[in-house]
Amino acid sequence: MNSTNFRMPARRLVAASAAGLLVAAPLALATATTAHATGDHGRADAVVLRTGLDVSLLGKTVNVPLRVALNEVHAPQSAEKTALTAELSGVDNGRPFSVLNAQVAQAKATADAHKAEGSTTLAQAKVHLPGLPLLPLLEVEKVTATALCEAGKKPVAEANVLGQVTVLGKRVTLTAGGTTQVTVDGVGEVTLDLSKRHTTTSTAAATALELKVAVDPLKLGVAEVDGTVTLAGATCERPAAPAPAPEEEKPAAEEPAEEEAEKPAEGSGTEQVKTGDDGVTTQTGKAPATENLAETGGSSMTPYLAGGAVLLLAAGGGALALTRRKRA
């Protein structure tokens, strides 16, 4: 088997290795930075409507759960569906019924290394329960919820209910940040929690409206409906704060020797500046020594160079004389 080996000179090998290290170092740093940023992203969620209801059917001892959600998103997502329908076995012969209809129903969640934010907007919306097809559980003009978590800052939660609110056909006056109870004879009872907000050192949560429902429709095969309905919710978790850059250690400045700082060397020509009491500045100093001016430009090799020049001159003269004799 024939083989050919190519050996690189030592100098070239060292240079190539150094160049490879210079190229590999930035690539490794970029990879580490990307992985670090991905792991430090925050978290955000948003939802327009979520139900946690138990539906009891007439003539039966079973409860049918109604667990549905509209525009439930997790960062990075958004959704704008404006209607939600559901079907329950045993309710209105299994026909689909409306849970929510709205003109605007937006949910958005974003998150990166700097901030995480969830937001929800719902406008001109009606919420229905199984067994009450003609009487809306809730009607709202506009509700919003926002949760904002920025790195290095305190999380913020906001929830607003704007305009009129109607519960089971009754217009309701809501108390900011409080609880309102609505009772309708022959139908049931609804408790509303308005503008719920909660924050910690790293998280935030906001809910525009939360309803606790206990109604007895006694229609369409439905005996009772119990549970909760959440309208316009948003949550977030703050991304990790960036680590502070390490401080570079500065080398300690070398202090000059006291003798050199206080007294200039003789013959150095260093000048000292002095200011007199009269404000006049004068410069004083020793003139350079002139004893060895003749040696300026010389060195220890000078005698040898001079001797060599004399020998060369003598050899040249001898050669010239020998040439002349031969010609003669």
Protein backbone atom coordinates (compact mmCIF):
# COMPACT_ATOMS: atom_id res chain seq x y z
CA MET A 1 0.00 0.00 0.00
CA ASN A 2 1.34 3.33 -0.96
CA SER A 3 0.88 6.21 1.35
CA THR A 4 1.95 9.80 1.20
CA ASN A 5 2.52 11.88 4.28
CA PHE A 6 2.66 15.63 4.13
CA ARG A 7 4.40 17.29 7.01
CA MET A 8 3.66 20.89 7.77
CA PRO A 9 6.57 23.04 8.99
CA ALA A 10 6.42 23.75 12.71
CA ARG A 11 5.87 27.48 12.21
CA ARG A 12 2.95 26.90 9.85
CA LEU A 13 1.43 24.31 12.19
CA VAL A 14 1.49 26.73 15.14
CA ALA A 15 -0.03 29.51 13.02
CA ALA A 16 -2.80 27.24 11.73
CA SER A 17 -3.63 26.04 15.26
CA ALA A 18 -3.83 29.62 16.52
CA ALA A 19 -6.11 30.62 13.64
CA GLY A 20 -8.40 27.64 14.34
CA LEU A 21 -8.70 28.63 17.98
CA LEU A 22 -9.55 32.22 17.04
CA VAL A 23 -12.35 31.01 14.75
CA ALA A 24 -13.71 28.36 17.12
CA ALA A 25 -13.90 30.63 20.17
CA PRO A 26 -16.55 33.06 18.78
CA LEU A 27 -18.62 30.13 17.46
CA ALA A 28 -18.65 28.44 20.85
CA LEU A 29 -19.57 31.71 22.55
CA ALA A 30 -22.46 32.32 20.13
CA THR A 31 -23.81 28.80 20.69
CA ALA A 32 -23.70 29.19 24.47
CA THR A 33 -25.43 32.58 24.29
CA THR A 34 -28.26 31.21 22.14
CA ALA A 35 -28.88 28.28 24.46
CA HIS A 36 -28.84 30.54 27.51
CA ALA A 37 -31.36 32.97 25.98
CA THR A 38 -33.76 30.17 24.99
CA GLY A 39 -33.78 28.73 28.51
CA ASP A 40 -34.43 32.09 30.16
CA HIS A 41 -37.62 32.99 28.27
CA GLY A 42 -40.68 33.81 30.38
CA ARG A 43 -44.16 32.28 30.14
CA ALA A 44 -47.52 33.80 29.20
CA ASP A 45 -51.08 32.52 28.74
CA ALA A 46 -54.43 34.06 27.81
CA VAL A 47 -58.03 32.88 27.43
CA VAL A 48 -61.29 34.53 26.39
CA LEU A 49 -63.65 32.08 28.14
CA ARG A 50 -63.27 28.95 30.24
CA THR A 51 -66.03 26.89 31.87
CA GLY A 52 -65.95 24.44 34.73
CA LEU A 53 -69.59 23.40 34.96
CA ASP A 54 -71.44 20.30 36.09
CA VAL A 55 -74.78 19.71 34.39
CA SER A 56 -77.38 17.49 36.10
CA LEU A 57 -79.92 15.89 33.79
CA LEU A 58 -83.64 15.44 34.55
CA GLY A 59 -84.64 12.01 35.69
CA LYS A 60 -81.03 10.88 35.99
CA THR A 61 -78.54 10.83 38.80
CA VAL A 62 -75.48 11.54 36.65
CA ASN A 63 -73.69 14.82 36.12
CA VAL A 64 -72.31 15.74 32.72
CA PRO A 65 -69.22 17.98 32.87
CA LEU A 66 -68.96 20.97 30.59
CA ARG A 67 -65.27 21.87 30.31
CA VAL A 68 -64.71 24.10 27.31
CA ALA A 69 -62.51 27.08 26.47
CA LEU A 70 -62.43 29.71 23.73
CA ASN A 71 -59.18 31.19 22.42
CA GLU A 72 -56.97 29.64 25.07
CA VAL A 73 -53.38 30.39 23.98
CA HIS A 74 -49.85 29.91 25.28
CA ALA A 75 -46.89 32.03 24.21
CA PRO A 76 -46.13 32.55 21.45
CA GLN A 77 -49.71 32.27 20.17
CA SER A 78 -52.78 34.37 19.41
CA ALA A 79 -56.42 33.61 18.55
CA GLU A 80 -59.49 35.62 17.49
CA LYS A 81 -62.42 33.19 17.27
CA THR A 82 -65.69 34.95 18.14
CA ALA A 83 -68.03 31.98 18.74
CA LEU A 84 -68.07 28.78 20.77
CA THR A 85 -70.64 25.98 20.67
CA ALA A 86 -70.83 22.71 22.59
CA GLU A 87 -72.78 19.48 22.64
CA LEU A 88 -73.83 17.45 25.68
CA SER A 89 -75.41 14.03 25.54
CA GLY A 90 -78.90 14.23 27.06
CA VAL A 91 -79.21 18.01 26.64
CA ASP A 92 -81.73 19.04 23.96
CA ASN A 93 -81.38 15.61 22.34
CA GLY A 94 -77.65 16.14 21.79
CA ARG A 95 -78.06 19.20 19.61
CA PRO A 96 -75.23 21.76 19.72
CA PHE A 97 -75.92 24.85 21.77
CA SER A 98 -74.19 28.21 21.94
CA VAL A 99 -71.81 28.89 24.80
CA LEU A 100 -70.47 32.28 23.66
CA ASN A 101 -71.02 34.74 20.82
CA ALA A 102 -69.11 38.01 20.50
CA GLN A 103 -68.15 40.71 18.03
CA VAL A 104 -64.55 40.78 19.28
CA ALA A 105 -62.75 37.97 21.11
CA GLN A 106 -58.98 38.28 21.07
CA ALA A 107 -56.34 36.46 23.10
CA LYS A 108 -52.59 36.94 22.69
CA ALA A 109 -49.53 35.63 24.54
CA THR A 110 -45.90 36.55 23.87
CA ALA A 111 -42.64 35.76 25.66
CA ASP A 112 -38.93 36.36 25.08
CA ALA A 113 -35.78 36.94 27.12
CA HIS A 114 -36.91 40.47 28.08
CA LYS A 115 -40.61 40.18 28.94
CA ALA A 116 -43.68 37.93 28.94
CA GLU A 117 -47.19 39.27 28.36
CA GLY A 118 -50.70 37.84 28.10
CA SER A 119 -53.71 39.94 27.05
CA THR A 120 -57.41 39.40 26.32
CA THR A 121 -60.14 41.62 24.87
CA LEU A 122 -63.82 40.68 24.63
CA ALA A 123 -66.55 43.00 23.29
CA GLN A 124 -70.32 42.76 22.75
CA ALA A 125 -70.47 39.21 24.10
CA LYS A 126 -73.23 36.86 25.33
CA VAL A 127 -72.67 33.72 27.41
CA HIS A 128 -75.26 30.90 27.50
CA LEU A 129 -75.83 27.86 29.70
CA PRO A 130 -77.29 24.51 28.67
CA GLY A 131 -81.01 24.48 29.39
CA LEU A 132 -81.36 28.27 28.96
CA PRO A 133 -81.31 28.84 25.19
CA LEU A 134 -83.20 32.14 25.20
CA LEU A 135 -81.97 33.74 28.42
CA PRO A 136 -78.24 34.62 28.39
CA LEU A 137 -76.33 33.97 31.56
CA LEU A 138 -74.22 37.09 30.96
CA GLU A 139 -74.06 40.02 28.56
CA VAL A 140 -71.08 42.44 28.54
CA GLU A 141 -70.07 45.43 26.44
CA LYS A 142 -66.32 45.13 26.89
CA VAL A 143 -63.89 43.40 29.25
CA THR A 144 -60.08 43.28 29.14
CA ALA A 145 -57.29 41.57 31.07
CA THR A 146 -53.52 42.04 30.87
CA ALA A 147 -50.59 40.44 32.70
CA LEU A 148 -47.12 41.86 32.08
CA CYS A 149 -43.88 40.42 33.48
CA GLU A 150 -40.62 42.18 32.52
CA ALA A 151 -37.16 41.01 33.48
CA GLY A 152 -35.85 42.90 36.49
CA LYS A 153 -39.21 44.64 37.15
CA LYS A 154 -42.25 44.01 39.32
CA PRO A 155 -45.03 42.08 37.49
CA VAL A 156 -48.23 44.00 36.70
CA ALA A 157 -51.81 42.69 36.41
CA GLU A 158 -54.77 44.72 35.12
CA ALA A 159 -58.44 43.81 34.55
CA ASN A 160 -61.27 46.09 33.45
CA VAL A 161 -65.01 45.76 32.92
CA LEU A 162 -66.24 48.59 30.72
CA GLY A 163 -69.86 49.44 30.03
CA GLN A 164 -73.02 47.66 31.11
CA VAL A 165 -73.25 44.12 32.49
CA THR A 166 -76.48 42.07 32.45
CA VAL A 167 -76.89 38.79 34.40
CA LEU A 168 -79.91 36.53 33.69
CA GLY A 169 -81.75 39.49 32.17
CA LYS A 170 -80.97 41.88 35.07
CA ARG A 171 -78.71 44.90 34.64
CA VAL A 172 -76.09 44.87 37.35
CA THR A 173 -74.08 47.63 38.98
CA LEU A 174 -70.67 46.19 39.77
CA THR A 175 -68.40 47.17 42.64
CA ALA A 176 -64.77 47.68 41.63
CA GLY A 177 -62.72 44.78 42.91
CA GLY A 178 -65.68 43.35 44.84
CA THR A 179 -68.35 40.65 44.69
CA THR A 180 -71.89 41.06 43.37
CA GLN A 181 -74.70 38.55 43.85
CA VAL A 182 -77.67 38.27 41.49
CA THR A 183 -80.78 36.15 42.24
CA VAL A 184 -83.55 35.49 39.74
CA ASP A 185 -86.71 33.76 40.99
CA GLY A 186 -87.40 30.49 39.28
CA VAL A 187 -84.00 30.45 37.57
CA GLY A 188 -81.18 30.54 40.06
CA GLU A 189 -78.33 32.52 41.55
CA VAL A 190 -75.08 33.94 40.15
CA THR A 191 -72.17 35.47 42.08
CA LEU A 192 -69.76 37.71 40.18
CA ASP A 193 -66.16 38.48 41.15
CA LEU A 194 -65.00 41.60 39.35
CA SER A 195 -61.47 42.44 38.20
CA LYS A 196 -59.46 39.87 40.12
CA ARG A 197 -55.71 40.59 40.18
CA HIS A 198 -52.85 38.74 41.80
CA THR A 199 -49.09 39.32 41.62
CA THR A 200 -45.96 37.81 43.18
CA THR A 201 -42.29 38.66 42.79
CA SER A 202 -42.18 36.80 39.46
CA THR A 203 -45.78 36.16 38.28
CA ALA A 204 -49.00 38.04 37.54
CA ALA A 205 -52.61 36.96 36.91
CA ALA A 206 -55.70 38.96 35.94
CA THR A 207 -59.35 37.96 35.42
CA ALA A 208 -61.99 40.41 34.26
CA LEU A 209 -65.02 38.40 35.46
CA GLU A 210 -65.47 35.13 37.30
CA LEU A 211 -69.00 33.81 37.78
CA LYS A 212 -70.14 31.21 40.29
CA VAL A 213 -73.29 29.70 38.88
CA ALA A 214 -76.14 27.77 40.55
CA VAL A 215 -79.22 27.69 38.32
CA ASP A 216 -82.23 25.35 37.90
CA PRO A 217 -83.49 25.67 34.31
CA LEU A 218 -85.79 22.63 34.46
CA LYS A 219 -85.89 22.83 30.67
CA LEU A 220 -84.45 20.83 27.77
CA GLY A 221 -83.70 17.95 30.09
CA VAL A 222 -81.49 20.01 32.39
CA ALA A 223 -82.19 20.00 36.11
CA GLU A 224 -79.23 21.97 37.51
CA VAL A 225 -76.09 23.73 36.36
CA ASP A 226 -73.35 24.42 38.95
CA GLY A 227 -69.78 25.62 38.61
CA THR A 228 -67.71 28.54 37.37
CA VAL A 229 -67.36 30.58 34.22
CA THR A 230 -64.22 32.68 33.69
CA LEU A 231 -64.27 35.57 31.26
CA ALA A 232 -61.07 37.26 29.98
CA GLY A 233 -58.05 35.87 31.80
CA ALA A 234 -54.30 36.42 31.43
CA THR A 235 -51.20 35.17 33.27
CA CYS A 236 -47.42 35.58 32.92
CA GLU A 237 -44.14 34.52 34.50
CA ARG A 238 -41.13 36.82 34.44
CA PRO A 239 -38.02 35.79 32.47
CA ALA A 240 -34.79 35.52 34.42
CA ALA A 241 -32.89 38.79 34.77
CA PRO A 242 -29.66 38.86 32.72
CA ALA A 243 -26.55 38.11 34.73
CA PRO A 244 -24.31 41.15 35.31
CA ALA A 245 -21.18 41.26 33.21
CA PRO A 246 -18.05 40.28 35.16
CA GLU A 247 -15.83 43.19 36.07
CA GLU A 248 -12.42 43.17 34.48
CA GLU A 249 -9.55 43.26 36.92
CA LYS A 250 -7.30 46.24 36.26
CA PRO A 251 -3.57 45.64 36.81
CA ALA A 252 -2.19 47.61 39.72
CA ALA A 253 -0.11 50.57 38.60
CA GLU A 254 3.56 50.23 39.48
CA GLU A 255 4.66 52.92 41.89
CA PRO A 256 8.02 54.50 40.98
CA ALA A 257 10.82 54.26 43.50
CA GLU A 258 10.88 57.14 45.94
CA GLU A 259 14.44 58.05 45.00
CA GLU A 260 13.60 58.25 41.28
CA ALA A 261 10.45 60.29 41.98
CA GLU A 262 12.12 62.76 44.32
CA LYS A 263 15.61 63.10 42.81
CA PRO A 264 16.42 62.99 39.09
CA ALA A 265 19.51 61.11 38.01
CA GLU A 266 22.64 63.11 37.47
CA GLY A 267 23.40 63.97 33.90
CA SER A 268 19.91 63.06 32.71
CA GLY A 269 18.97 66.64 31.89
CA THR A 270 15.62 66.37 33.69
CA GLU A 271 14.07 69.73 34.51
CA GLN A 272 12.17 70.60 37.63
CA VAL A 273 9.34 73.16 37.54
CA LYS A 274 9.00 75.46 40.53
CA THR A 275 6.54 78.24 41.23
CA GLY A 276 7.67 81.11 43.43
CA ASP A 277 5.67 83.12 45.89
CA ASP A 278 5.28 85.89 43.30
CA GLY A 279 3.42 83.55 40.95
CA VAL A 280 6.31 83.34 38.46
CA THR A 281 7.10 79.84 37.23
CA THR A 282 10.76 78.94 36.70
CA GLN A 283 12.44 75.86 35.40
CA THR A 284 15.66 74.58 36.95
CA GLY A 285 17.79 71.56 36.31
CA LYS A 286 21.27 70.29 35.72
CA ALA A 287 22.82 70.55 32.32
CA PRO A 288 23.90 67.30 30.71
CA ALA A 289 27.40 66.19 31.63
CA THR A 290 29.99 67.01 28.94
CA GLU A 291 32.90 64.88 30.16
CA ASN A 292 32.17 61.96 27.83
CA LEU A 293 30.91 63.83 24.78
CA ALA A 294 33.82 62.46 22.79
CA GLU A 295 32.52 58.94 23.34
CA THR A 296 29.05 59.71 21.93
CA GLY A 297 28.20 57.21 19.21
CA GLY A 298 31.01 54.81 20.17
CA SER A 299 30.92 51.31 21.57
CA SER A 300 33.20 48.48 22.75
CA MET A 301 33.58 47.24 19.13
CA THR A 302 35.14 50.44 17.88
CA PRO A 303 38.86 49.33 18.34
CA TYR A 304 38.27 46.09 16.47
CA LEU A 305 36.56 47.83 13.59
CA ALA A 306 39.40 50.31 13.34
CA GLY A 307 42.01 47.51 13.35
CA GLY A 308 40.16 45.63 10.65
CA ALA A 309 40.03 48.73 8.48
CA VAL A 310 43.83 49.20 8.82
CA LEU A 311 44.49 45.58 7.79
CA LEU A 312 42.23 45.90 4.76
CA LEU A 313 43.98 49.10 3.76
CA ALA A 314 47.42 47.47 4.09
CA ALA A 315 46.36 44.45 2.06
CA GLY A 316 45.01 46.65 -0.68
CA GLY A 317 48.22 48.63 -0.83
CA GLY A 318 50.33 45.44 -1.04
CA ALA A 319 48.22 44.09 -3.88
CA LEU A 320 48.56 47.36 -5.78
CA ALA A 321 52.35 47.35 -5.41
CA LEU A 322 52.66 43.73 -6.57
CA THR A 323 50.58 44.50 -9.65
CA ARG A 324 52.78 47.41 -10.62
CA ARG A 325 55.95 45.29 -10.27
CA LYS A 326 54.56 42.61 -12.59
CA ARG A 327 53.75 45.19 -15.23
CA ALA A 328 57.23 46.66 -14.95
